[in-house]
């Protein structure tokens, strides 16, 4: 299927080449998530099991969006929905159809966003630590902080540091660096 060329078409084509790894770096709103969804669907048609693909991103929002959009495209392909008007959406649907042909025996994984290995760098690292708590020296039950807890911890840490600088519990060099 041919997608109308865009100024970055060469890079998009490279990203959809599943023979190697690919890192997508671009500013907000440039279509990174859509490109990663297309790559994920393309990879699904190549691997022997869906859990062989790991997609990591920086934000929880992007990870949730990717999981939901991958699942949405697979559901559209399964329902044999008509080809959309947009050439990009048609490409995504075509990739989803190929993935379904390859993995029809794994519907519980393909149609459940939580079973796809798509997440943040932090969640991936936390899953490794949770999987080997003794080897990593991390207590079992480790979990990531939610946004509110992160903000609270950061605020508390900054307040403690400012207090230590003001109370002269730090070297004069550090205090001067902070004040000046």
C-alpha atoms as a PDB file:
ATOM      1  CA  UNK A   1       0.000   0.000   0.000  1.00  0.00           C
ATOM      2  CA  UNK A   2       1.387   3.416  -0.926  1.00  0.00           C
ATOM      3  CA  UNK A   3       1.211   6.294   1.502  1.00  0.00           C
ATOM      4  CA  UNK A   4       1.387   9.813   0.099  1.00  0.00           C
ATOM      5  CA  UNK A   5       4.908  11.194   0.544  1.00  0.00           C
ATOM      6  CA  UNK A   6       5.571  13.576   3.417  1.00  0.00           C
ATOM      7  CA  UNK A   7       8.709  15.662   3.974  1.00  0.00           C
ATOM      8  CA  UNK A   8       9.985  12.960   6.336  1.00  0.00           C
ATOM      9  CA  UNK A   9       8.806  10.000   4.227  1.00  0.00           C
ATOM     10  CA  UNK A  10      12.272   8.439   3.979  1.00  0.00           C
ATOM     11  CA  UNK A  11      12.571   8.308   7.768  1.00  0.00           C
ATOM     12  CA  UNK A  12       9.028   6.921   8.104  1.00  0.00           C
ATOM     13  CA  UNK A  13       9.870   4.177   5.598  1.00  0.00           C
ATOM     14  CA  UNK A  14      13.029   3.327   7.556  1.00  0.00           C
ATOM     15  CA  UNK A  15      10.995   3.124  10.770  1.00  0.00           C
ATOM     16  CA  UNK A  16       8.658   0.587   9.159  1.00  0.00           C
ATOM     17  CA  UNK A  17      11.575  -1.611   8.082  1.00  0.00           C
ATOM     18  CA  UNK A  18      11.350  -4.408  10.642  1.00  0.00           C
ATOM     19  CA  UNK A  19      14.791  -5.881   9.978  1.00  0.00           C
ATOM     20  CA  UNK A  20      16.419  -3.796  12.714  1.00  0.00           C
ATOM     21  CA  UNK A  21      15.866  -1.519  15.679  1.00  0.00           C
ATOM     22  CA  UNK A  22      14.772   2.053  15.249  1.00  0.00           C
ATOM     23  CA  UNK A  23      14.664   5.091  17.528  1.00  0.00           C
ATOM     24  CA  UNK A  24      12.145   7.824  16.831  1.00  0.00           C
ATOM     25  CA  UNK A  25      13.089  11.321  17.991  1.00  0.00           C
ATOM     26  CA  UNK A  26      11.008  14.343  17.066  1.00  0.00           C
ATOM     27  CA  UNK A  27       9.146  17.240  18.662  1.00  0.00           C
ATOM     28  CA  UNK A  28       5.735  16.996  20.289  1.00  0.00           C
ATOM     29  CA  UNK A  29       2.842  16.724  17.861  1.00  0.00           C
ATOM     30  CA  UNK A  30       4.927  15.443  14.961  1.00  0.00           C
ATOM     31  CA  UNK A  31       3.332  11.993  14.766  1.00  0.00           C
ATOM     32  CA  UNK A  32       5.809   9.872  16.756  1.00  0.00           C
ATOM     33  CA  UNK A  33       3.100   7.832  18.430  1.00  0.00           C
ATOM     34  CA  UNK A  34       1.349   7.054  15.137  1.00  0.00           C
ATOM     35  CA  UNK A  35       4.654   6.020  13.588  1.00  0.00           C
ATOM     36  CA  UNK A  36       5.444   3.773  16.558  1.00  0.00           C
ATOM     37  CA  UNK A  37       1.974   2.209  16.283  1.00  0.00           C
ATOM     38  CA  UNK A  38       2.628   1.441  12.618  1.00  0.00           C
ATOM     39  CA  UNK A  39       6.023  -0.054  13.455  1.00  0.00           C
ATOM     40  CA  UNK A  40       4.530  -2.135  16.255  1.00  0.00           C
ATOM     41  CA  UNK A  41       1.857  -3.508  13.903  1.00  0.00           C
ATOM     42  CA  UNK A  42       4.507  -4.220  11.251  1.00  0.00           C
ATOM     43  CA  UNK A  43       6.602  -6.089  13.821  1.00  0.00           C
ATOM     44  CA  UNK A  44       3.560  -8.111  14.931  1.00  0.00           C
ATOM     45  CA  UNK A  45       3.376  -9.666  11.482  1.00  0.00           C
ATOM     46  CA  UNK A  46       7.028 -10.801  11.722  1.00  0.00           C
ATOM     47  CA  UNK A  47       7.514 -12.251  15.223  1.00  0.00           C
ATOM     48  CA  UNK A  48       6.516 -15.739  16.304  1.00  0.00           C
ATOM     49  CA  UNK A  49       4.750 -14.468  19.458  1.00  0.00           C
ATOM     50  CA  UNK A  50       3.351 -10.994  20.233  1.00  0.00           C
ATOM     51  CA  UNK A  51       5.230 -10.814  23.564  1.00  0.00           C
ATOM     52  CA  UNK A  52       8.531 -10.750  21.643  1.00  0.00           C
ATOM     53  CA  UNK A  53       8.010  -7.039  20.959  1.00  0.00           C
ATOM     54  CA  UNK A  54       8.903  -4.400  23.512  1.00  0.00           C
ATOM     55  CA  UNK A  55       7.942  -0.794  22.835  1.00  0.00           C
ATOM     56  CA  UNK A  56       9.100   1.859  25.278  1.00  0.00           C
ATOM     57  CA  UNK A  57       8.266   5.531  25.425  1.00  0.00           C
ATOM     58  CA  UNK A  58       8.818   8.372  27.862  1.00  0.00           C
ATOM     59  CA  UNK A  59       5.295   9.140  29.034  1.00  0.00           C
ATOM     60  CA  UNK A  60       2.478   7.057  30.454  1.00  0.00           C
ATOM     61  CA  UNK A  61       0.062   8.965  28.235  1.00  0.00           C
ATOM     62  CA  UNK A  62       1.905   7.901  25.068  1.00  0.00           C
ATOM     63  CA  UNK A  63       2.157   4.282  26.272  1.00  0.00           C
ATOM     64  CA  UNK A  64      -1.588   4.084  26.993  1.00  0.00           C
ATOM     65  CA  UNK A  65      -2.371   5.752  23.678  1.00  0.00           C
ATOM     66  CA  UNK A  66      -0.143   3.272  21.814  1.00  0.00           C
ATOM     67  CA  UNK A  67      -1.689   0.243  23.529  1.00  0.00           C
ATOM     68  CA  UNK A  68      -5.203   1.444  22.824  1.00  0.00           C
ATOM     69  CA  UNK A  69      -4.515   2.385  19.205  1.00  0.00           C
ATOM     70  CA  UNK A  70      -2.780  -0.937  18.444  1.00  0.00           C
ATOM     71  CA  UNK A  71      -5.732  -2.800  19.938  1.00  0.00           C
ATOM     72  CA  UNK A  72      -8.188  -0.536  18.120  1.00  0.00           C
ATOM     73  CA  UNK A  73      -6.516  -1.209  14.747  1.00  0.00           C
ATOM     74  CA  UNK A  74      -6.464  -4.961  15.401  1.00  0.00           C
ATOM     75  CA  UNK A  75     -10.178  -4.857  16.291  1.00  0.00           C
ATOM     76  CA  UNK A  76     -10.937  -2.861  13.137  1.00  0.00           C
ATOM     77  CA  UNK A  77      -9.066  -5.422  11.049  1.00  0.00           C
ATOM     78  CA  UNK A  78     -10.855  -8.301  12.789  1.00  0.00           C
ATOM     79  CA  UNK A  79     -14.249  -6.656  12.136  1.00  0.00           C
ATOM     80  CA  UNK A  80     -13.207  -6.191   8.491  1.00  0.00           C
ATOM     81  CA  UNK A  81     -14.129  -2.512   8.638  1.00  0.00           C
ATOM     82  CA  UNK A  82     -13.996  -0.691   5.312  1.00  0.00           C
ATOM     83  CA  UNK A  83     -10.715   0.908   4.345  1.00  0.00           C
ATOM     84  CA  UNK A  84     -10.561   4.473   5.711  1.00  0.00           C
ATOM     85  CA  UNK A  85     -10.174   7.492   3.442  1.00  0.00           C
ATOM     86  CA  UNK A  86      -6.763   8.477   4.806  1.00  0.00           C
ATOM     87  CA  UNK A  87      -3.838   6.637   3.244  1.00  0.00           C
ATOM     88  CA  UNK A  88      -2.090   6.526   6.635  1.00  0.00           C
ATOM     89  CA  UNK A  89      -5.102   4.936   8.337  1.00  0.00           C
ATOM     90  CA  UNK A  90      -5.363   2.482   5.436  1.00  0.00           C
ATOM     91  CA  UNK A  91      -1.711   1.540   5.963  1.00  0.00           C
ATOM     92  CA  UNK A  92      -2.336   0.970   9.690  1.00  0.00           C
ATOM     93  CA  UNK A  93      -5.346  -1.223   8.896  1.00  0.00           C
ATOM     94  CA  UNK A  94      -3.331  -3.213   6.350  1.00  0.00           C
ATOM     95  CA  UNK A  95      -0.548  -3.784   8.906  1.00  0.00           C
ATOM     96  CA  UNK A  96      -3.130  -4.880  11.491  1.00  0.00           C
ATOM     97  CA  UNK A  97      -4.618  -7.387   9.022  1.00  0.00           C
ATOM     98  CA  UNK A  98      -1.173  -8.924   8.448  1.00  0.00           C
ATOM     99  CA  UNK A  99      -0.619  -9.162  12.211  1.00  0.00           C
ATOM    100  CA  UNK A 100      -3.969 -10.923  12.639  1.00  0.00           C
ATOM    101  CA  UNK A 101      -3.100 -13.463   9.961  1.00  0.00           C
ATOM    102  CA  UNK A 102       0.129 -14.245  11.785  1.00  0.00           C
ATOM    103  CA  UNK A 103      -1.293 -14.389  15.333  1.00  0.00           C
ATOM    104  CA  UNK A 104      -4.891 -15.501  15.104  1.00  0.00           C
ATOM    105  CA  UNK A 105      -4.084 -18.071  17.806  1.00  0.00           C
ATOM    106  CA  UNK A 106      -3.262 -15.368  20.381  1.00  0.00           C
ATOM    107  CA  UNK A 107      -6.500 -13.354  20.640  1.00  0.00           C
ATOM    108  CA  UNK A 108      -6.230 -12.902  24.407  1.00  0.00           C
ATOM    109  CA  UNK A 109      -2.952 -11.069  23.906  1.00  0.00           C
ATOM    110  CA  UNK A 110      -3.772  -9.168  20.742  1.00  0.00           C
ATOM    111  CA  UNK A 111      -7.065  -7.714  21.924  1.00  0.00           C
ATOM    112  CA  UNK A 112      -6.093  -6.840  25.493  1.00  0.00           C
ATOM    113  CA  UNK A 113      -4.074  -3.617  25.674  1.00  0.00           C
ATOM    114  CA  UNK A 114      -2.605  -4.571  29.066  1.00  0.00           C
ATOM    115  CA  UNK A 115      -1.034  -7.747  27.665  1.00  0.00           C
ATOM    116  CA  UNK A 116       1.002  -5.851  25.058  1.00  0.00           C
ATOM    117  CA  UNK A 117       4.542  -5.002  26.120  1.00  0.00           C
ATOM    118  CA  UNK A 118       4.175  -1.267  25.585  1.00  0.00           C
ATOM    119  CA  UNK A 119       5.156   1.045  28.407  1.00  0.00           C
ATOM    120  CA  UNK A 120       7.523   3.673  29.710  1.00  0.00           C
ATOM    121  CA  UNK A 121      11.240   3.239  30.272  1.00  0.00           C
ATOM    122  CA  UNK A 122      10.507   3.404  33.987  1.00  0.00           C
ATOM    123  CA  UNK A 123       7.833   0.699  33.892  1.00  0.00           C
ATOM    124  CA  UNK A 124      10.105  -1.584  31.862  1.00  0.00           C
ATOM    125  CA  UNK A 125      12.985  -1.179  34.325  1.00  0.00           C
ATOM    126  CA  UNK A 126      10.615  -1.673  37.272  1.00  0.00           C
ATOM    127  CA  UNK A 127       9.319  -4.897  35.721  1.00  0.00           C
ATOM    128  CA  UNK A 128      12.895  -6.195  35.466  1.00  0.00           C
ATOM    129  CA  UNK A 129      13.526  -5.348  39.110  1.00  0.00           C
ATOM    130  CA  UNK A 130      10.233  -6.935  40.195  1.00  0.00           C
ATOM    131  CA  UNK A 131      11.143 -10.081  38.264  1.00  0.00           C
ATOM    132  CA  UNK A 132      14.454 -10.492  40.057  1.00  0.00           C
ATOM    133  CA  UNK A 133      14.124  -8.775  43.454  1.00  0.00           C
ATOM    134  CA  UNK A 134      16.831 -10.812  45.212  1.00  0.00           C
ATOM    135  CA  UNK A 135      19.393 -10.330  42.450  1.00  0.00           C
ATOM    136  CA  UNK A 136      18.641  -6.606  42.175  1.00  0.00           C
ATOM    137  CA  UNK A 137      18.628  -6.015  45.937  1.00  0.00           C
ATOM    138  CA  UNK A 138      15.232  -4.310  45.653  1.00  0.00           C
ATOM    139  CA  UNK A 139      12.433  -5.251  48.069  1.00  0.00           C
ATOM    140  CA  UNK A 140       9.657  -7.380  46.519  1.00  0.00           C
ATOM    141  CA  UNK A 141       6.539  -5.420  45.608  1.00  0.00           C
ATOM    142  CA  UNK A 142       8.417  -2.477  44.105  1.00  0.00           C
ATOM    143  CA  UNK A 143       6.108  -0.145  42.225  1.00  0.00           C
ATOM    144  CA  UNK A 144       6.399   3.171  40.406  1.00  0.00           C
ATOM    145  CA  UNK A 145       5.231   6.350  42.077  1.00  0.00           C
ATOM    146  CA  UNK A 146       2.146   7.928  40.596  1.00  0.00           C
ATOM    147  CA  UNK A 147       2.305  11.561  39.469  1.00  0.00           C
ATOM    148  CA  UNK A 148       0.979  12.946  42.776  1.00  0.00           C
ATOM    149  CA  UNK A 149       3.465  10.916  44.843  1.00  0.00           C
ATOM    150  CA  UNK A 150       6.301  11.978  42.536  1.00  0.00           C
ATOM    151  CA  UNK A 151       5.387  15.641  42.976  1.00  0.00           C
ATOM    152  CA  UNK A 152       5.093  15.253  46.759  1.00  0.00           C
ATOM    153  CA  UNK A 153       8.476  13.503  47.017  1.00  0.00           C
ATOM    154  CA  UNK A 154      10.154  16.084  44.785  1.00  0.00           C
ATOM    155  CA  UNK A 155       8.685  18.962  46.794  1.00  0.00           C
ATOM    156  CA  UNK A 156       9.776  17.380  50.083  1.00  0.00           C
ATOM    157  CA  UNK A 157      13.308  16.780  48.751  1.00  0.00           C
ATOM    158  CA  UNK A 158      13.660  20.378  47.547  1.00  0.00           C
ATOM    159  CA  UNK A 159      12.373  21.730  50.876  1.00  0.00           C
ATOM    160  CA  UNK A 160      14.839  19.551  52.817  1.00  0.00           C
ATOM    161  CA  UNK A 161      17.709  20.696  50.617  1.00  0.00           C
ATOM    162  CA  UNK A 162      16.810  24.381  50.953  1.00  0.00           C
ATOM    163  CA  UNK A 163      16.533  23.922  54.734  1.00  0.00           C
ATOM    164  CA  UNK A 164      19.977  22.300  54.866  1.00  0.00           C
ATOM    165  CA  UNK A 165      21.509  25.137  52.827  1.00  0.00           C
ATOM    166  CA  UNK A 166      19.890  27.820  54.967  1.00  0.00           C
ATOM    167  CA  UNK A 167      20.814  26.081  58.224  1.00  0.00           C
ATOM    168  CA  UNK A 168      24.450  25.830  57.143  1.00  0.00           C
ATOM    169  CA  UNK A 169      24.471  21.997  57.168  1.00  0.00           C
ATOM    170  CA  UNK A 170      26.347  22.100  53.866  1.00  0.00           C
ATOM    171  CA  UNK A 171      29.789  23.284  52.881  1.00  0.00           C
ATOM    172  CA  UNK A 172      30.305  26.987  52.245  1.00  0.00           C
ATOM    173  CA  UNK A 173      31.137  26.133  48.628  1.00  0.00           C
ATOM    174  CA  UNK A 174      27.766  24.402  48.135  1.00  0.00           C
ATOM    175  CA  UNK A 175      25.896  27.194  49.937  1.00  0.00           C
ATOM    176  CA  UNK A 176      27.600  29.841  47.758  1.00  0.00           C
ATOM    177  CA  UNK A 177      26.755  27.866  44.619  1.00  0.00           C
ATOM    178  CA  UNK A 178      23.108  27.718  45.662  1.00  0.00           C
ATOM    179  CA  UNK A 179      22.799  31.357  46.732  1.00  0.00           C
ATOM    180  CA  UNK A 180      24.832  32.955  43.925  1.00  0.00           C
END
